[in-house]
Amino acid sequence: MFSNWTFARRISAGYGLAGIAFVIVAGTAYSTTSDFIQDYTAMNRTQEVRRTFQNLQSDLTDAETSQRGYLLTGDDSYLDVYRETLAHIGALLDAAQATTVDSPSRERSLAAIRQPIATKLNELRQTIELRRDAGLEAALKVVATNEGKRAMDQVRSVIDELDRQEETRLQRRTAEAQASAARTLAVILWGGIAVVAVVGLVGWLVTRALSRQIADAISHVRSASAELQAAANQQATGLREQAVSISEITTTITELLATSRQIAEGAQNVVQIADQTASGASAGQGAIDIAQDAIGSIRRQVDQVVTHMLELGRKSQQIGAVLDIVQELAEQTNILAINATIEAAGAGEGGRRFAVVADEIRKLADRVGNSAKEIRGLIDDVRGAVNTTVMATETGSKAVDAGAQQFGGVAASFRRIAELVLATTDAAREIELSTKQQSTAVGQVNAAMSSVALAARETEASAGQTLQTAAELARLSTGLARIIRHAA
C-alpha cells in the first residue's frame, strides 16, 4: 500500500508522523511545565502567607512597644509607630483574607486570631487613653490584668501553628516542583531524542521509497520523451499542412469579403430606390384619396340635383292642379257671363249695362282660360324637362356610382401597391442589414482566420520547441538515472 503512495503523500505522511511525535512531546512538556508553574505559584503563595502573618505579628509587637514607651514617658512621639501600625494591621488582615479563598485551614487560623488582635488593640487604645486622661497608674492597672498579654500570646500561638503548617506545605510543594522539573527535563530530553529518531526513520523510509519511485518515473519519462518526440514531429508536419490550408481559406474569405461588400452596396442602392418608390406611392395614395373625396362630393351634389328636380316635378303637379281649378273657374265664369248676358238682354234697357259687364267678365274668363291652357302647356313642358332631367340625373348618378366603385377599386389596388412597395422597402432594408452583418461576420471570420494562422505558426514554433524540450528531457532523465544509481 505504501508503495502506491504519491511523492507528496509520502512527504506529507513523513512530516505528519514527525509532527505527531513533536505534538506528543510538546504536549507532555507543556503538561509537566504547567504542573511546575502551579507548584511554583503555590510556593510563592505559601511564602506570601507566611510573610503576611509574620508582618502582622511584627506590627502588633511594634504597636505594643510604642504603647509601653508612651505609658512610661507620656511623650506623644512614641505613638507615631502605633498609629502607623493600626492602618498597616488592617491592610494585612485584608491581604490575609485574600489568601484564604482556596485554603479552609488558613481561613480557620485567620478567624482564630481576629478576636485576640481586636482584644489586644482595644487594650492598647484603652491604656493610651487612660495614660493621657488619668495618668500612669490607671493605665498600669489595665496592663496588670494581663488581658493584653493573653491576647498577644494567643496571636503568637495561632501564627506559630499557621507558620508550621505553611512550612510543611512549602516543603511538600517544593518536592512536587522539583519532581515536575525533573519530569519536564526528562520529557524534553527523551522526547527530543524520540522525535529525532522518528524523523530519521521516516526520512530513511521516504528516501528509500522515493528512490525506487523516481527510478520508475525516470523510466516512464524516457519512454514518454520518446513518444513526445514522435508526436512533436508528427504535430509539426500537421501544423505545416494546416498553415497552408489556413492560408488558402484566408484568401477565399478575403474574396468573399469583397463580394459581400459589393452586395451590401447594391442592397443599399435598392433600399434608396425602394424609399423613393415608397415616397411616390405615398404621394399617389394621397392624390387618390383627394380624387375619391371629390367623386364623393360630386355624387352628393348629383343626389341633391335629383332631389331638387323631383321636388320641382312635385311642385309642377301642384301647379297643374291649381290650373285645373282656375280653368274650371274660368269655364264656370264664362257660363255665368253668358247666362248674365241672356238675362240682361231680356231685362231691356236696365240690363244693358249689366250685359256690358257680363260681356267683359266672359272675355276675362276666356283670357284666363287661354292663359291657363298656355300655363298647362308650359307646365307639361316643364314636367317633360324635369322627367328628362331626372332620368339623365339618375343615369349620371349611376355612372358616378359605377365610376366611384371603379375608382375605389383603383384606390384599393394603388393602396395594395403602396403596401407592397413598403414591404419591398422593409425587405430591402433587411437585406441591406443582413448583408452588412454578413460582411461584418466575414470580416470577423477573416480576422479570426488570420489569428488562427498566426496561432498555427506559433504552434508550429512551439512544436519545434517541444521537440527540443523532449530531447532535453530524455537527456535529463538519463542523467537523473545515473545520479540515482550512484546514490543507491
Foldseek 3Di string as FASTA:
>chain_A
DVLPDDLVVLVVVLVVVLVVLVCVLVVQLVVLVVQLVVLVVLLVLLVVLLVLLVVLLVLLVLLVVLLVVCLVPVDCVSCPSNVVSVVVNVVSLVVLVVSCPPPVLSVVLSVQLPVLVVQLNVLSVVLNVCCVPPNNVVSVVSVVVCSNVVSSVSSVVSSVVSNVVSVVVSVVSVVSSVVSVVSSVVSVVVSVVVSVVSSVVSVVVSVVSVLVVLLVVLVVLLVVLVVLLVVLVVLLVVLVVVLVVLVVVLVVLVVVLVVLVVLLVVLVVLLVVLVVVLVVLVVVLVVLVVVLVVLVVVLVVLVVVLVVLVVVLVVLVVVLVVLVVLLVVLVVLLVVLVVLLVVLVVVPPVSPVVNVVSVVSNVVSVVSNVVSVVVNVVSVVSNVVSVVVSVVSVVVSVVSVVVSVVSVVVSVVSVVVSVVSVVSSVVSVVSSVVSVVVSVVSVVVSVVSVVVSVVSVVVSVVSVVSSVVSVVSSVVSVVVSVVSVVVD
